[in-house]
Amino acid sequence: MSRFKNIFLASILTRFPSIADIFARRVAPLSFDQTPWVTPSKPLSEMKLALVTTAGVHLKSDKPFDMSDSSGDPTFRVIPSDADVSDLAITHDYYDHTDADKDVNIVFPMERARELAAEGVIGALAARSYGFMGHIEEKHIDTLVNKEAPRALAMLKEDGADVALLTPG
């Protein structure tokens, strides 16, 4: 019943965004002591780009995100950057992804990034990209911030990614 409720609410909030605004005002934003913004050291045409999404995108062959936990699933899924988009799925009950199910590039622009690399707009696509589920509440924030995100960051560095494009769901 919980999943049905989540899907129903996502559908309603998509159709009536003013209701979503009311809910959003109740959520306190996360704050960070240090924001790691840096000035790019080279042009985008020389940078290696990784995609990171909070839209619940993962390989169909991967374990889906856990929708039975109402506080979300703080783990991530690795998506090889040469994966065929037809091999991707979305597991996320907290937004209406009907259109993204038809074209995953709406929330995870893998094919567009490949085109940008082919055109020389970006230097290259990193070997791996990452899918998270964006609905994470209190009991999982610590796991996300202190365990999963640092693991993903280490992998990004290992792949030599210069920049990450974060796409929400």
N, C-alpha and C. Protein backbone atom coordinates (compact mmCIF):
# COMPACT_ATOMS: atom_id res chain seq x y z
N MET A 1 0.82 -1.20 0.00
CA MET A 1 0.00 0.00 0.00
C MET A 1 0.86 1.26 0.00
N SER A 2 2.00 1.24 0.68
CA SER A 2 2.87 2.40 0.78
C SER A 2 3.37 2.85 -0.60
N ARG A 3 3.77 1.89 -1.44
CA ARG A 3 4.26 2.25 -2.78
C ARG A 3 3.14 2.89 -3.58
N PHE A 4 1.92 2.36 -3.50
CA PHE A 4 0.80 2.95 -4.22
C PHE A 4 0.59 4.39 -3.77
N LYS A 5 0.65 4.62 -2.46
CA LYS A 5 0.48 5.97 -1.92
C LYS A 5 1.56 6.90 -2.47
N ASN A 6 2.81 6.45 -2.49
CA ASN A 6 3.91 7.27 -3.00
C ASN A 6 3.71 7.62 -4.46
N ILE A 7 3.34 6.64 -5.27
CA ILE A 7 3.12 6.86 -6.70
C ILE A 7 1.95 7.80 -6.92
N PHE A 8 0.88 7.61 -6.15
CA PHE A 8 -0.29 8.48 -6.25
C PHE A 8 0.07 9.92 -5.89
N LEU A 9 0.79 10.10 -4.76
CA LEU A 9 1.19 11.45 -4.36
C LEU A 9 2.11 12.09 -5.40
N ALA A 10 3.04 11.33 -5.95
CA ALA A 10 3.93 11.88 -6.98
C ALA A 10 3.12 12.36 -8.18
N SER A 11 2.11 11.59 -8.55
CA SER A 11 1.24 11.96 -9.68
C SER A 11 0.48 13.25 -9.38
N ILE A 12 -0.09 13.35 -8.20
CA ILE A 12 -0.85 14.55 -7.81
C ILE A 12 0.07 15.77 -7.76
N LEU A 13 1.24 15.61 -7.12
CA LEU A 13 2.15 16.75 -6.97
C LEU A 13 2.72 17.21 -8.31
N THR A 14 2.83 16.29 -9.26
CA THR A 14 3.28 16.66 -10.61
C THR A 14 2.21 17.49 -11.31
N ARG A 15 0.97 17.10 -11.12
CA ARG A 15 -0.12 17.80 -11.79
C ARG A 15 -0.48 19.14 -11.11
N PHE A 16 -0.20 19.24 -9.82
CA PHE A 16 -0.52 20.45 -9.06
C PHE A 16 0.73 20.92 -8.32
N PRO A 17 1.65 21.58 -9.02
CA PRO A 17 2.92 21.98 -8.41
C PRO A 17 2.78 22.90 -7.20
N SER A 18 1.69 23.65 -7.11
CA SER A 18 1.53 24.55 -5.96
C SER A 18 1.41 23.76 -4.67
N ILE A 19 0.87 22.55 -4.73
CA ILE A 19 0.80 21.69 -3.55
C ILE A 19 2.20 21.23 -3.18
N ALA A 20 3.00 20.90 -4.18
CA ALA A 20 4.40 20.49 -3.92
C ALA A 20 5.17 21.62 -3.25
N ASP A 21 4.89 22.86 -3.65
CA ASP A 21 5.56 24.01 -3.03
C ASP A 21 5.28 24.09 -1.53
N ILE A 22 4.05 23.77 -1.14
CA ILE A 22 3.68 23.80 0.28
C ILE A 22 4.52 22.78 1.05
N PHE A 23 4.65 21.56 0.51
CA PHE A 23 5.47 20.53 1.16
C PHE A 23 6.94 20.94 1.19
N ALA A 24 7.42 21.53 0.12
CA ALA A 24 8.84 21.90 0.03
C ALA A 24 9.21 22.94 1.07
N ARG A 25 8.29 23.84 1.41
CA ARG A 25 8.58 24.87 2.40
C ARG A 25 8.80 24.29 3.80
N ARG A 26 8.31 23.08 4.04
CA ARG A 26 8.45 22.44 5.35
C ARG A 26 9.81 21.77 5.55
N VAL A 27 10.57 21.59 4.47
CA VAL A 27 11.82 20.86 4.54
C VAL A 27 12.98 21.84 4.72
N ALA A 28 13.73 21.62 5.77
CA ALA A 28 14.90 22.47 6.01
C ALA A 28 16.02 22.03 5.08
N PRO A 29 16.66 22.97 4.41
CA PRO A 29 17.76 22.59 3.51
C PRO A 29 18.96 22.09 4.29
N LEU A 30 19.72 21.20 3.67
CA LEU A 30 20.97 20.76 4.27
C LEU A 30 21.95 21.91 4.21
N SER A 31 22.81 21.99 5.21
CA SER A 31 23.85 23.01 5.15
C SER A 31 25.20 22.32 5.32
N PHE A 32 26.18 22.86 4.69
CA PHE A 32 27.52 22.29 4.72
C PHE A 32 28.49 23.37 5.18
N ASP A 33 29.46 22.95 5.99
CA ASP A 33 30.45 23.90 6.49
C ASP A 33 31.35 24.41 5.38
N GLN A 34 31.66 23.51 4.44
CA GLN A 34 32.55 23.89 3.35
C GLN A 34 31.91 23.49 2.03
N THR A 35 31.88 24.40 1.10
CA THR A 35 31.36 24.11 -0.22
C THR A 35 32.56 23.98 -1.16
N PRO A 36 32.74 22.81 -1.77
CA PRO A 36 33.95 22.58 -2.56
C PRO A 36 33.89 23.11 -3.99
N TRP A 37 33.43 24.35 -4.17
CA TRP A 37 33.41 24.94 -5.50
C TRP A 37 34.82 25.35 -5.89
N VAL A 38 35.16 25.10 -7.11
CA VAL A 38 36.48 25.49 -7.60
C VAL A 38 36.34 26.14 -8.97
N THR A 39 37.29 26.95 -9.30
CA THR A 39 37.35 27.54 -10.63
C THR A 39 37.95 26.50 -11.57
N PRO A 40 37.31 26.26 -12.72
CA PRO A 40 37.87 25.26 -13.65
C PRO A 40 39.30 25.61 -14.05
N SER A 41 40.13 24.58 -14.11
CA SER A 41 41.54 24.78 -14.45
C SER A 41 41.81 24.60 -15.94
N LYS A 42 40.80 24.16 -16.67
CA LYS A 42 40.95 23.96 -18.12
C LYS A 42 39.60 24.11 -18.78
N PRO A 43 39.57 24.30 -20.09
CA PRO A 43 38.29 24.46 -20.78
C PRO A 43 37.48 23.16 -20.77
N LEU A 44 36.18 23.29 -20.85
CA LEU A 44 35.27 22.15 -20.87
C LEU A 44 35.64 21.16 -21.98
N SER A 45 36.15 21.67 -23.07
CA SER A 45 36.52 20.81 -24.20
C SER A 45 37.69 19.88 -23.88
N GLU A 46 38.33 20.11 -22.75
CA GLU A 46 39.43 19.25 -22.31
C GLU A 46 39.06 18.44 -21.06
N MET A 47 37.84 18.61 -20.58
CA MET A 47 37.44 17.96 -19.34
C MET A 47 36.73 16.63 -19.57
N LYS A 48 36.89 15.75 -18.59
CA LYS A 48 36.18 14.48 -18.58
C LYS A 48 34.95 14.65 -17.70
N LEU A 49 33.78 14.37 -18.26
CA LEU A 49 32.50 14.58 -17.60
C LEU A 49 31.92 13.26 -17.11
N ALA A 50 31.38 13.27 -15.90
CA ALA A 50 30.61 12.14 -15.37
C ALA A 50 29.19 12.63 -15.12
N LEU A 51 28.24 11.76 -15.32
CA LEU A 51 26.85 12.06 -15.00
C LEU A 51 26.53 11.49 -13.62
N VAL A 52 25.82 12.27 -12.82
CA VAL A 52 25.35 11.82 -11.52
C VAL A 52 23.89 12.24 -11.45
N THR A 53 23.01 11.29 -11.17
CA THR A 53 21.59 11.62 -11.12
C THR A 53 20.98 11.18 -9.80
N THR A 54 19.97 11.91 -9.37
CA THR A 54 19.18 11.52 -8.20
C THR A 54 17.80 11.06 -8.64
N ALA A 55 17.69 10.65 -9.89
CA ALA A 55 16.41 10.26 -10.48
C ALA A 55 16.10 8.78 -10.35
N GLY A 56 16.95 8.02 -9.65
CA GLY A 56 16.68 6.59 -9.46
C GLY A 56 17.03 5.74 -10.67
N VAL A 57 17.93 6.22 -11.51
CA VAL A 57 18.34 5.49 -12.72
C VAL A 57 19.37 4.43 -12.35
N HIS A 58 19.24 3.25 -12.95
CA HIS A 58 20.19 2.16 -12.74
C HIS A 58 20.08 1.18 -13.90
N LEU A 59 21.04 0.30 -14.00
CA LEU A 59 20.96 -0.77 -15.00
C LEU A 59 19.82 -1.70 -14.64
N LYS A 60 19.10 -2.18 -15.64
CA LYS A 60 18.03 -3.14 -15.38
C LYS A 60 18.54 -4.38 -14.66
N SER A 61 19.80 -4.72 -14.89
CA SER A 61 20.39 -5.90 -14.26
C SER A 61 20.80 -5.65 -12.80
N ASP A 62 20.80 -4.39 -12.36
CA ASP A 62 21.16 -4.06 -10.97
C ASP A 62 19.96 -4.24 -10.04
N LYS A 63 20.25 -4.35 -8.76
CA LYS A 63 19.21 -4.37 -7.75
C LYS A 63 18.51 -3.01 -7.77
N PRO A 64 17.18 -2.99 -7.87
CA PRO A 64 16.47 -1.71 -7.84
C PRO A 64 16.65 -1.01 -6.50
N PHE A 65 16.43 0.29 -6.48
CA PHE A 65 16.46 1.02 -5.23
C PHE A 65 15.32 0.52 -4.35
N ASP A 66 15.53 0.57 -3.04
CA ASP A 66 14.58 0.03 -2.07
C ASP A 66 13.43 1.01 -1.87
N MET A 67 12.29 0.69 -2.43
CA MET A 67 11.12 1.55 -2.30
C MET A 67 10.29 1.19 -1.08
N SER A 68 10.64 0.11 -0.38
CA SER A 68 9.87 -0.27 0.81
C SER A 68 10.26 0.55 2.03
N ASP A 69 11.39 1.23 1.98
CA ASP A 69 11.84 2.06 3.09
C ASP A 69 11.36 3.49 2.85
N SER A 70 10.45 3.96 3.67
CA SER A 70 9.87 5.29 3.45
C SER A 70 10.88 6.41 3.63
N SER A 71 12.05 6.11 4.19
CA SER A 71 13.10 7.12 4.34
C SER A 71 14.06 7.13 3.16
N GLY A 72 13.81 6.28 2.18
CA GLY A 72 14.63 6.26 0.97
C GLY A 72 15.74 5.23 1.02
N ASP A 73 16.49 5.21 -0.05
CA ASP A 73 17.62 4.29 -0.20
C ASP A 73 18.86 5.14 -0.47
N PRO A 74 19.79 5.21 0.48
CA PRO A 74 20.94 6.10 0.33
C PRO A 74 22.07 5.55 -0.55
N THR A 75 21.92 4.34 -1.06
CA THR A 75 22.98 3.74 -1.86
C THR A 75 22.96 4.27 -3.29
N PHE A 76 23.99 3.94 -4.05
CA PHE A 76 24.05 4.37 -5.44
C PHE A 76 24.31 3.17 -6.34
N ARG A 77 24.09 3.38 -7.63
CA ARG A 77 24.34 2.35 -8.62
C ARG A 77 25.34 2.91 -9.64
N VAL A 78 26.28 2.08 -10.03
CA VAL A 78 27.26 2.47 -11.04
C VAL A 78 26.68 2.16 -12.41
N ILE A 79 26.80 3.11 -13.30
CA ILE A 79 26.30 2.95 -14.67
C ILE A 79 27.48 3.15 -15.61
N PRO A 80 27.92 2.08 -16.28
CA PRO A 80 29.02 2.26 -17.24
C PRO A 80 28.60 3.27 -18.31
N SER A 81 29.49 4.16 -18.64
CA SER A 81 29.14 5.22 -19.59
C SER A 81 28.96 4.73 -21.01
N ASP A 82 29.31 3.47 -21.26
CA ASP A 82 29.03 2.92 -22.59
C ASP A 82 27.78 2.05 -22.58
N ALA A 83 27.02 2.08 -21.48
CA ALA A 83 25.78 1.30 -21.39
C ALA A 83 24.77 1.79 -22.43
N ASP A 84 24.03 0.87 -22.99
CA ASP A 84 22.95 1.23 -23.90
C ASP A 84 21.79 1.76 -23.06
N VAL A 85 21.20 2.87 -23.46
CA VAL A 85 20.12 3.45 -22.66
C VAL A 85 18.93 2.51 -22.55
N SER A 86 18.79 1.58 -23.47
CA SER A 86 17.69 0.60 -23.37
C SER A 86 17.93 -0.38 -22.22
N ASP A 87 19.14 -0.40 -21.67
CA ASP A 87 19.46 -1.26 -20.54
C ASP A 87 19.27 -0.56 -19.19
N LEU A 88 18.73 0.67 -19.24
CA LEU A 88 18.52 1.45 -18.01
C LEU A 88 17.07 1.39 -17.56
N ALA A 89 16.89 1.49 -16.25
CA ALA A 89 15.55 1.52 -15.65
C ALA A 89 15.52 2.63 -14.61
N ILE A 90 14.33 3.01 -14.21
CA ILE A 90 14.15 4.00 -13.15
C ILE A 90 13.33 3.35 -12.04
N THR A 91 13.88 3.36 -10.83
CA THR A 91 13.14 2.90 -9.66
C THR A 91 13.09 4.07 -8.70
N HIS A 92 11.93 4.71 -8.64
CA HIS A 92 11.77 5.89 -7.78
C HIS A 92 10.27 6.18 -7.71
N ASP A 93 9.70 6.15 -6.53
CA ASP A 93 8.27 6.39 -6.37
C ASP A 93 7.92 7.83 -6.05
N TYR A 94 8.92 8.69 -5.89
CA TYR A 94 8.64 10.03 -5.37
C TYR A 94 8.59 11.11 -6.44
N TYR A 95 8.55 10.75 -7.69
CA TYR A 95 8.25 11.70 -8.76
C TYR A 95 7.65 10.92 -9.91
N ASP A 96 6.94 11.63 -10.77
CA ASP A 96 6.29 11.00 -11.91
C ASP A 96 7.31 10.92 -13.04
N HIS A 97 7.80 9.71 -13.30
CA HIS A 97 8.82 9.54 -14.33
C HIS A 97 8.26 8.87 -15.59
N THR A 98 6.99 9.10 -15.85
CA THR A 98 6.35 8.53 -17.04
C THR A 98 7.10 8.92 -18.31
N ASP A 99 7.41 10.19 -18.46
CA ASP A 99 8.11 10.65 -19.67
C ASP A 99 9.56 10.15 -19.69
N ALA A 100 10.21 10.14 -18.54
CA ALA A 100 11.59 9.65 -18.47
C ALA A 100 11.66 8.15 -18.77
N ASP A 101 10.60 7.41 -18.45
CA ASP A 101 10.57 5.99 -18.80
C ASP A 101 10.58 5.80 -20.33
N LYS A 102 10.05 6.78 -21.04
CA LYS A 102 10.04 6.73 -22.51
C LYS A 102 11.38 7.18 -23.09
N ASP A 103 12.02 8.16 -22.43
CA ASP A 103 13.32 8.66 -22.87
C ASP A 103 14.13 9.05 -21.64
N VAL A 104 14.98 8.14 -21.20
CA VAL A 104 15.75 8.34 -19.98
C VAL A 104 16.66 9.56 -20.06
N ASN A 105 16.97 10.03 -21.27
CA ASN A 105 17.81 11.21 -21.43
C ASN A 105 17.21 12.46 -20.77
N ILE A 106 15.91 12.43 -20.50
CA ILE A 106 15.25 13.56 -19.82
C ILE A 106 15.87 13.77 -18.45
N VAL A 107 16.19 12.69 -17.74
CA VAL A 107 16.76 12.80 -16.39
C VAL A 107 18.20 12.33 -16.32
N PHE A 108 18.64 11.61 -17.33
CA PHE A 108 20.01 11.07 -17.35
C PHE A 108 20.52 11.17 -18.78
N PRO A 109 21.04 12.34 -19.17
CA PRO A 109 21.34 12.63 -20.58
C PRO A 109 22.60 11.94 -21.12
N MET A 110 22.62 10.64 -21.04
CA MET A 110 23.78 9.85 -21.48
C MET A 110 24.05 10.04 -22.98
N GLU A 111 23.01 9.91 -23.78
CA GLU A 111 23.22 10.05 -25.24
C GLU A 111 23.61 11.47 -25.60
N ARG A 112 23.05 12.46 -24.92
CA ARG A 112 23.43 13.85 -25.21
C ARG A 112 24.88 14.08 -24.81
N ALA A 113 25.33 13.50 -23.71
CA ALA A 113 26.73 13.66 -23.28
C ALA A 113 27.67 13.01 -24.29
N ARG A 114 27.28 11.87 -24.81
CA ARG A 114 28.10 11.22 -25.84
C ARG A 114 28.21 12.10 -27.09
N GLU A 115 27.10 12.74 -27.45
CA GLU A 115 27.12 13.64 -28.61
C GLU A 115 28.05 14.83 -28.34
N LEU A 116 27.99 15.38 -27.13
CA LEU A 116 28.87 16.51 -26.79
C LEU A 116 30.33 16.10 -26.85
N ALA A 117 30.63 14.88 -26.42
CA ALA A 117 32.01 14.39 -26.51
C ALA A 117 32.42 14.22 -27.97
N ALA A 118 31.54 13.67 -28.79
CA ALA A 118 31.85 13.46 -30.21
C ALA A 118 32.06 14.78 -30.94
N GLU A 119 31.34 15.82 -30.51
CA GLU A 119 31.46 17.15 -31.12
C GLU A 119 32.63 17.95 -30.55
N GLY A 120 33.28 17.43 -29.50
CA GLY A 120 34.39 18.15 -28.89
C GLY A 120 33.99 19.23 -27.91
N VAL A 121 32.71 19.31 -27.57
CA VAL A 121 32.26 20.30 -26.60
C VAL A 121 32.81 19.93 -25.21
N ILE A 122 32.80 18.64 -24.90
CA ILE A 122 33.47 18.14 -23.70
C ILE A 122 34.61 17.25 -24.17
N GLY A 123 35.60 17.09 -23.32
CA GLY A 123 36.76 16.28 -23.70
C GLY A 123 36.42 14.81 -23.85
N ALA A 124 35.69 14.28 -22.87
CA ALA A 124 35.35 12.85 -22.87
C ALA A 124 34.30 12.60 -21.81
N LEU A 125 33.72 11.44 -21.90
CA LEU A 125 32.79 10.98 -20.88
C LEU A 125 33.56 10.03 -19.97
N ALA A 126 33.45 10.21 -18.66
CA ALA A 126 34.12 9.32 -17.71
C ALA A 126 33.61 7.89 -17.90
N ALA A 127 34.42 6.93 -17.50
CA ALA A 127 34.07 5.52 -17.69
C ALA A 127 32.80 5.12 -16.95
N ARG A 128 32.54 5.79 -15.83
CA ARG A 128 31.36 5.43 -15.03
C ARG A 128 30.56 6.67 -14.67
N SER A 129 29.25 6.47 -14.62
CA SER A 129 28.34 7.50 -14.12
C SER A 129 27.57 6.86 -12.97
N TYR A 130 26.75 7.66 -12.27
CA TYR A 130 26.18 7.19 -11.01
C TYR A 130 24.72 7.55 -10.87
N GLY A 131 23.95 6.59 -10.39
CA GLY A 131 22.54 6.80 -10.12
C GLY A 131 22.26 6.69 -8.63
N PHE A 132 21.64 7.72 -8.09
CA PHE A 132 21.17 7.73 -6.70
C PHE A 132 19.66 7.86 -6.73
N MET A 133 19.02 7.58 -5.62
CA MET A 133 17.60 7.85 -5.45
C MET A 133 17.50 9.12 -4.63
N GLY A 134 16.85 10.14 -5.14
CA GLY A 134 16.88 11.45 -4.51
C GLY A 134 16.03 11.65 -3.28
N HIS A 135 15.15 10.74 -2.95
CA HIS A 135 14.31 10.91 -1.77
C HIS A 135 14.98 10.23 -0.58
N ILE A 136 15.76 11.00 0.17
CA ILE A 136 16.47 10.47 1.33
C ILE A 136 16.07 11.32 2.53
N GLU A 137 15.59 10.67 3.57
CA GLU A 137 15.18 11.40 4.77
C GLU A 137 16.14 11.15 5.92
N GLU A 138 15.82 11.78 7.04
CA GLU A 138 16.68 11.88 8.21
C GLU A 138 17.53 10.65 8.52
N LYS A 139 16.90 9.50 8.68
CA LYS A 139 17.67 8.36 9.19
C LYS A 139 18.74 7.88 8.21
N HIS A 140 18.67 8.30 6.93
CA HIS A 140 19.66 7.87 5.95
C HIS A 140 20.60 8.98 5.48
N ILE A 141 20.38 10.20 5.94
CA ILE A 141 21.23 11.33 5.52
C ILE A 141 22.69 11.07 5.87
N ASP A 142 22.94 10.61 7.09
CA ASP A 142 24.31 10.36 7.52
C ASP A 142 24.99 9.32 6.63
N THR A 143 24.27 8.24 6.31
CA THR A 143 24.83 7.21 5.43
C THR A 143 25.14 7.78 4.06
N LEU A 144 24.23 8.58 3.52
CA LEU A 144 24.44 9.19 2.21
C LEU A 144 25.65 10.12 2.22
N VAL A 145 25.69 11.03 3.18
CA VAL A 145 26.73 12.06 3.21
C VAL A 145 28.09 11.51 3.62
N ASN A 146 28.12 10.59 4.57
CA ASN A 146 29.39 10.15 5.12
C ASN A 146 29.90 8.81 4.61
N LYS A 147 29.06 8.06 3.91
CA LYS A 147 29.51 6.77 3.40
C LYS A 147 29.38 6.66 1.88
N GLU A 148 28.16 6.80 1.38
CA GLU A 148 27.91 6.56 -0.05
C GLU A 148 28.49 7.65 -0.94
N ALA A 149 28.24 8.92 -0.62
CA ALA A 149 28.79 10.00 -1.44
C ALA A 149 30.31 9.98 -1.50
N PRO A 150 31.01 9.77 -0.37
CA PRO A 150 32.47 9.66 -0.46
C PRO A 150 32.95 8.48 -1.32
N ARG A 151 32.21 7.37 -1.28
CA ARG A 151 32.56 6.22 -2.14
C ARG A 151 32.42 6.60 -3.62
N ALA A 152 31.32 7.27 -3.96
CA ALA A 152 31.12 7.70 -5.34
C ALA A 152 32.18 8.72 -5.75
N LEU A 153 32.51 9.64 -4.86
CA LEU A 153 33.54 10.63 -5.15
C LEU A 153 34.89 9.97 -5.41
N ALA A 154 35.24 8.98 -4.61
CA ALA A 154 36.51 8.26 -4.82
C ALA A 154 36.52 7.59 -6.19
N MET A 155 35.40 7.05 -6.61
CA MET A 155 35.32 6.41 -7.93
C MET A 155 35.42 7.45 -9.04
N LEU A 156 34.80 8.61 -8.85
CA LEU A 156 34.90 9.70 -9.82
C LEU A 156 36.36 10.11 -10.00
N LYS A 157 37.05 10.25 -8.87
CA LYS A 157 38.47 10.62 -8.93
C LYS A 157 39.29 9.53 -9.60
N GLU A 158 38.98 8.27 -9.29
CA GLU A 158 39.68 7.14 -9.89
C GLU A 158 39.54 7.15 -11.41
N ASP A 159 38.37 7.58 -11.89
CA ASP A 159 38.11 7.64 -13.33
C ASP A 159 38.67 8.91 -13.96
N GLY A 160 39.21 9.80 -13.15
CA GLY A 160 39.78 11.03 -13.69
C GLY A 160 38.74 12.05 -14.12
N ALA A 161 37.53 11.97 -13.53
CA ALA A 161 36.48 12.93 -13.89
C ALA A 161 36.88 14.33 -13.41
N ASP A 162 36.76 15.29 -14.31
CA ASP A 162 37.05 16.68 -13.97
C ASP A 162 35.82 17.43 -13.50
N VAL A 163 34.67 16.98 -13.98
CA VAL A 163 33.42 17.67 -13.70
C VAL A 163 32.29 16.64 -13.69
N ALA A 164 31.27 16.91 -12.87
CA ALA A 164 30.10 16.04 -12.82
C ALA A 164 28.86 16.88 -13.10
N LEU A 165 27.98 16.34 -13.90
CA LEU A 165 26.70 16.97 -14.18
C LEU A 165 25.67 16.26 -13.34
N LEU A 166 25.07 16.98 -12.37
CA LEU A 166 24.07 16.42 -11.48
C LEU A 166 22.69 16.70 -12.05
N THR A 167 21.91 15.64 -12.24
CA THR A 167 20.56 15.80 -12.76
C THR A 167 19.57 15.27 -11.74
N PRO A 168 18.55 16.06 -11.40
CA PRO A 168 17.53 15.61 -10.44
C PRO A 168 16.45 14.79 -11.11
N GLY A 169 15.60 14.20 -10.29
CA GLY A 169 14.44 13.47 -10.80
C GLY A 169 13.18 14.22 -10.49
